């Protein structure tokens, strides 16, 4: 049997609001990578997530509480088990940001991340080698995509003036321009409202009441002035009158 026609199952799943390329776009690329790098593998899983899901995975498995572009989880099937290569997880929001910075489509950025993740599944590690993995990645991009390789080391910092907005579902997005200005105004209004509540008439009365020392029934206030001592005048004695008229 021709090696290029070996069965190779690709499981696709998405937990992202964005839409990622699927079998029709990436199927041939994944099969070519299998034939070149892992000819005995018969399956791989591709999962798309949002930043919230990627941050959770990155924190649980790498101890980094930040999002990232791609994570790989290789498997080691035992004897007689299905030769599944592993799982590649891609954050579509990060891929979208990188695509905009590079001036390419989201699909083109995901292709680079697929190649990068596949190399990790095959045991390559650019953090430990001397550039061999990134060199091979560039070679594969040229061979299978007929395009120049995309860089993977651009800074992904937020733009000046941008704000992080929390959505109703609990996820967070970075907004800029008018949306960031509106979010800033809302935050300032909320702070002023909270400040007014803390210093309003009712709050001041509550503070005075709390500061007033409590006293028991019948006890005079400690800070009250002592009562003035009452002076009693003595009456002068008068002559005693008899009942005889002279």
Protein backbone atom coordinates (compact mmCIF):
# COMPACT_ATOMS: atom_id res chain seq x y z
CA UNK A 1 0.00 0.00 0.00
CA UNK A 2 1.26 3.50 -0.86
CA UNK A 3 2.37 5.31 2.26
CA UNK A 4 0.46 8.42 1.22
CA UNK A 5 -2.81 6.46 1.41
CA UNK A 6 -2.39 5.01 4.88
CA UNK A 7 -5.50 5.60 7.02
CA UNK A 8 -5.19 8.67 9.19
CA UNK A 9 -8.07 9.82 11.35
CA UNK A 10 -8.33 13.51 12.20
CA UNK A 11 -10.71 14.42 15.04
CA UNK A 12 -11.93 18.01 14.90
CA UNK A 13 -13.54 19.89 17.78
CA UNK A 14 -14.10 23.54 18.63
CA UNK A 15 -14.82 25.40 21.85
CA UNK A 16 -14.32 28.82 20.33
CA UNK A 17 -16.74 31.48 19.14
CA UNK A 18 -14.48 32.01 16.15
CA UNK A 19 -14.42 29.63 13.24
CA UNK A 20 -11.26 27.72 12.39
CA UNK A 21 -10.24 25.88 9.21
CA UNK A 22 -11.20 22.22 9.04
CA UNK A 23 -10.63 19.03 7.08
CA UNK A 24 -11.05 20.58 3.64
CA UNK A 25 -8.34 23.19 4.33
CA UNK A 26 -5.91 21.37 6.64
CA UNK A 27 -6.49 17.69 5.87
CA UNK A 28 -3.79 17.38 3.23
CA UNK A 29 -1.32 19.35 5.34
CA UNK A 30 -1.82 17.03 8.33
CA UNK A 31 -1.47 13.90 6.19
CA UNK A 32 1.72 15.24 4.61
CA UNK A 33 3.11 15.97 8.07
CA UNK A 34 2.24 12.45 9.18
CA UNK A 35 3.94 10.90 6.14
CA UNK A 36 7.07 12.99 6.70
CA UNK A 37 7.39 12.95 10.50
CA UNK A 38 5.33 10.09 11.96
CA UNK A 39 4.52 7.47 9.29
CA UNK A 40 3.20 4.96 11.84
CA UNK A 41 0.67 7.33 13.40
CA UNK A 42 -2.96 6.73 12.48
CA UNK A 43 -4.73 9.57 14.25
CA UNK A 44 -4.46 13.10 15.62
CA UNK A 45 -6.87 15.51 17.33
CA UNK A 46 -7.24 19.23 16.58
CA UNK A 47 -9.12 21.44 19.06
CA UNK A 48 -9.90 25.16 18.76
CA UNK A 49 -10.44 27.14 21.96
CA UNK A 50 -10.81 30.73 23.13
CA UNK A 51 -8.31 32.55 25.34
CA UNK A 52 -10.11 31.55 28.53
CA UNK A 53 -9.82 27.84 27.74
CA UNK A 54 -6.22 28.18 26.59
CA UNK A 55 -5.25 30.08 29.75
CA UNK A 56 -6.73 27.28 31.86
CA UNK A 57 -4.80 24.59 29.98
CA UNK A 58 -1.59 26.61 30.10
CA UNK A 59 -1.98 27.13 33.85
CA UNK A 60 -2.78 23.48 34.61
CA UNK A 61 -0.09 21.89 32.44
CA UNK A 62 2.70 24.50 32.30
CA UNK A 63 2.10 26.63 35.40
CA UNK A 64 1.65 29.80 33.31
CA UNK A 65 -1.51 31.79 33.94
CA UNK A 66 -1.57 33.35 30.46
CA UNK A 67 -2.99 32.43 27.11
CA UNK A 68 -0.79 31.23 24.25
CA UNK A 69 -1.14 30.33 20.59
CA UNK A 70 -0.73 26.54 20.51
CA UNK A 71 -0.24 23.66 22.93
CA UNK A 72 0.60 20.06 22.09
CA UNK A 73 -0.21 16.96 24.12
CA UNK A 74 1.59 13.88 22.71
CA UNK A 75 0.35 10.40 23.54
CA UNK A 76 2.33 7.23 24.06
CA UNK A 77 0.06 4.33 23.06
CA UNK A 78 1.03 0.96 24.42
CA UNK A 79 1.50 -2.23 22.44
CA UNK A 80 -1.65 -3.11 20.55
CA UNK A 81 -3.29 0.26 21.22
CA UNK A 82 -4.45 2.61 18.50
CA UNK A 83 -1.41 4.64 17.36
CA UNK A 84 -2.86 8.07 18.12
CA UNK A 85 -0.22 10.79 17.82
CA UNK A 86 -1.74 13.28 20.26
CA UNK A 87 -3.72 16.52 20.56
CA UNK A 88 -3.02 19.97 19.16
CA UNK A 89 -4.91 22.84 20.85
CA UNK A 90 -5.03 26.24 19.14
CA UNK A 91 -6.35 29.54 20.48
CA UNK A 92 -8.23 31.17 17.61
CA UNK A 93 -8.29 34.65 19.24
CA UNK A 94 -4.48 34.60 19.49
CA UNK A 95 -4.22 33.29 15.92
CA UNK A 96 -6.51 36.11 14.79
CA UNK A 97 -4.36 38.76 16.52
CA UNK A 98 -1.16 37.36 15.04
CA UNK A 99 -2.71 37.17 11.57
CA UNK A 100 -3.66 40.85 11.73
CA UNK A 101 -0.17 41.84 12.85
CA UNK A 102 1.40 39.84 10.04
CA UNK A 103 -1.14 40.92 7.42
CA UNK A 104 -2.23 37.36 6.58
CA UNK A 105 -5.45 35.38 6.88
CA UNK A 106 -6.45 33.49 10.00
CA UNK A 107 -6.20 30.26 7.99
CA UNK A 108 -2.57 31.00 7.08
CA UNK A 109 -1.64 31.61 10.72
CA UNK A 110 -3.39 28.40 11.82
CA UNK A 111 -1.41 26.44 9.22
CA UNK A 112 1.82 27.61 10.84
CA UNK A 113 0.50 26.69 14.29
CA UNK A 114 -0.51 23.24 13.03
CA UNK A 115 3.02 22.58 11.78
CA UNK A 116 4.50 23.92 15.01
CA UNK A 117 2.19 21.79 17.16
CA UNK A 118 2.78 18.68 15.02
CA UNK A 119 6.54 18.99 15.49
CA UNK A 120 6.03 19.10 19.26
CA UNK A 121 3.92 15.92 19.06
CA UNK A 122 6.86 14.26 17.32
CA UNK A 123 9.25 15.13 20.16
CA UNK A 124 10.84 18.35 18.89
CA UNK A 125 11.37 21.16 21.40
CA UNK A 126 12.62 24.59 20.33
CA UNK A 127 13.21 25.56 23.97
CA UNK A 128 15.88 22.90 24.36
CA UNK A 129 17.49 22.52 20.92
CA UNK A 130 19.80 24.85 19.02
CA UNK A 131 17.26 26.05 16.46
CA UNK A 132 16.73 22.72 14.70
CA UNK A 133 12.95 22.69 15.26
CA UNK A 134 12.33 26.20 13.92
CA UNK A 135 14.59 25.49 10.97
CA UNK A 136 12.63 22.33 10.16
CA UNK A 137 9.35 24.23 10.61
CA UNK A 138 10.44 26.80 8.02
CA UNK A 139 11.41 23.99 5.66
CA UNK A 140 8.00 22.31 6.06
CA UNK A 141 6.10 25.56 5.47
CA UNK A 142 7.94 26.11 2.21
CA UNK A 143 7.50 22.48 1.12
CA UNK A 144 3.83 21.93 2.02
CA UNK A 145 2.42 25.45 1.73
CA UNK A 146 4.65 26.87 -1.01
CA UNK A 147 4.89 30.07 1.05
CA UNK A 148 7.46 31.86 3.14
CA UNK A 149 7.40 30.82 6.83
CA UNK A 150 5.69 33.08 9.34
CA UNK A 151 7.56 34.33 12.43
CA UNK A 152 6.50 33.01 15.83
CA UNK A 153 8.30 35.47 18.10
CA UNK A 154 6.34 38.70 17.66
CA UNK A 155 5.38 40.52 20.85
CA UNK A 156 1.73 40.08 21.68
CA UNK A 157 1.41 43.00 24.12
CA UNK A 158 -1.75 45.12 24.22
CA UNK A 159 -1.89 48.43 22.36
CA UNK A 160 -1.55 51.63 24.41
CA UNK A 161 -4.96 52.82 25.61
CA UNK A 162 -6.57 49.40 25.27
CA UNK A 163 -8.79 47.98 28.02
CA UNK A 164 -9.82 44.50 29.07
CA UNK A 165 -13.59 44.05 28.97
CA UNK A 166 -15.35 41.24 30.81
CA UNK A 167 -18.21 39.68 28.84
CA UNK A 168 -21.43 38.22 30.24
CA UNK A 169 -20.14 34.65 29.88
CA UNK A 170 -17.13 35.48 32.05
CA UNK A 171 -14.58 35.62 29.23
CA UNK A 172 -12.43 38.69 28.62
CA UNK A 173 -11.59 40.56 25.45
CA UNK A 174 -9.26 43.47 24.71
CA UNK A 175 -11.02 46.54 23.29
CA UNK A 176 -9.50 49.69 21.79
CA UNK A 177 -10.61 53.06 20.46
CA UNK A 178 -14.14 54.19 21.30
CA UNK A 179 -14.97 50.96 23.10
CA UNK A 180 -11.98 51.41 25.42
CA UNK A 181 -12.88 55.08 26.03
CA UNK A 182 -16.48 54.15 26.87
CA UNK A 183 -15.26 51.47 29.28
CA UNK A 184 -12.99 54.02 30.97
CA UNK A 185 -15.89 56.47 31.40
CA UNK A 186 -18.07 53.76 32.93
CA UNK A 187 -15.33 52.82 35.38
CA UNK A 188 -14.89 56.47 36.42
CA UNK A 189 -18.65 56.91 36.87
CA UNK A 190 -18.81 53.80 39.03
CA UNK A 191 -15.94 55.01 41.20
CA UNK A 192 -17.63 58.40 41.72
CA UNK A 193 -20.89 56.70 42.61
CA UNK A 194 -19.17 54.45 45.11
CA UNK A 195 -17.38 57.45 46.60
CA UNK A 196 -20.67 59.35 46.97
CA UNK A 197 -22.25 56.41 48.73
CA UNK A 198 -19.40 56.30 51.22
CA UNK A 199 -19.51 60.07 51.98
CA UNK A 200 -23.26 60.83 51.64
CA UNK A 201 -25.49 62.20 54.49
CA UNK A 202 -26.57 58.76 55.62
CA UNK A 203 -22.98 57.55 55.67
CA UNK A 204 -21.88 60.58 57.71
CA UNK A 205 -24.73 60.09 60.21
CA UNK A 206 -23.74 56.45 60.55
CA UNK A 207 -20.14 57.49 61.23
CA UNK A 208 -21.21 59.99 63.92
CA UNK A 209 -23.46 57.40 65.52
CA UNK A 210 -20.62 54.90 65.55
CA UNK A 211 -18.24 57.43 67.10
CA UNK A 212 -20.66 58.42 69.90
CA UNK A 213 -19.72 56.54 73.10
CA UNK A 214 -22.42 54.32 74.48
CA UNK A 215 -23.52 54.79 78.10
CA UNK A 216 -25.56 52.72 80.44
CA UNK A 217 -28.98 53.79 81.77
CA UNK A 218 -28.81 56.49 84.42
CA UNK A 219 -25.10 57.14 84.04
CA UNK A 220 -24.02 60.69 83.32
CA UNK A 221 -21.87 61.40 80.28
CA UNK A 222 -18.19 61.43 81.10
CA UNK A 223 -17.66 64.57 79.15
CA UNK A 224 -20.65 66.42 80.70
CA UNK A 225 -19.91 69.46 82.92
CA UNK A 226 -20.54 68.90 86.69
CA UNK A 227 -23.84 70.32 87.95
CA UNK A 228 -23.57 73.72 89.70
CA UNK A 229 -23.82 73.52 93.49
CA UNK A 230 -27.00 75.14 94.77
CA UNK A 231 -26.57 77.85 97.48
CA UNK A 232 -29.19 77.83 100.22
CA UNK A 233 -29.61 81.08 102.13
CA UNK A 234 -30.28 80.89 105.88
CA UNK A 235 -33.35 82.76 107.07
CA UNK A 236 -32.81 85.40 109.75
CA UNK A 237 -34.68 84.69 113.05
CA UNK A 238 -37.68 86.98 113.72
CA UNK A 239 -38.97 88.27 117.10
CA UNK A 240 -41.56 86.17 118.72
CA UNK A 241 -44.92 87.80 118.96
CA UNK A 242 -47.28 87.34 122.02
CA UNK A 243 -51.02 87.54 122.03
CA UNK A 244 -51.22 90.66 124.33
CA UNK A 245 -51.71 94.11 122.89
CA UNK A 246 -49.98 96.88 124.91
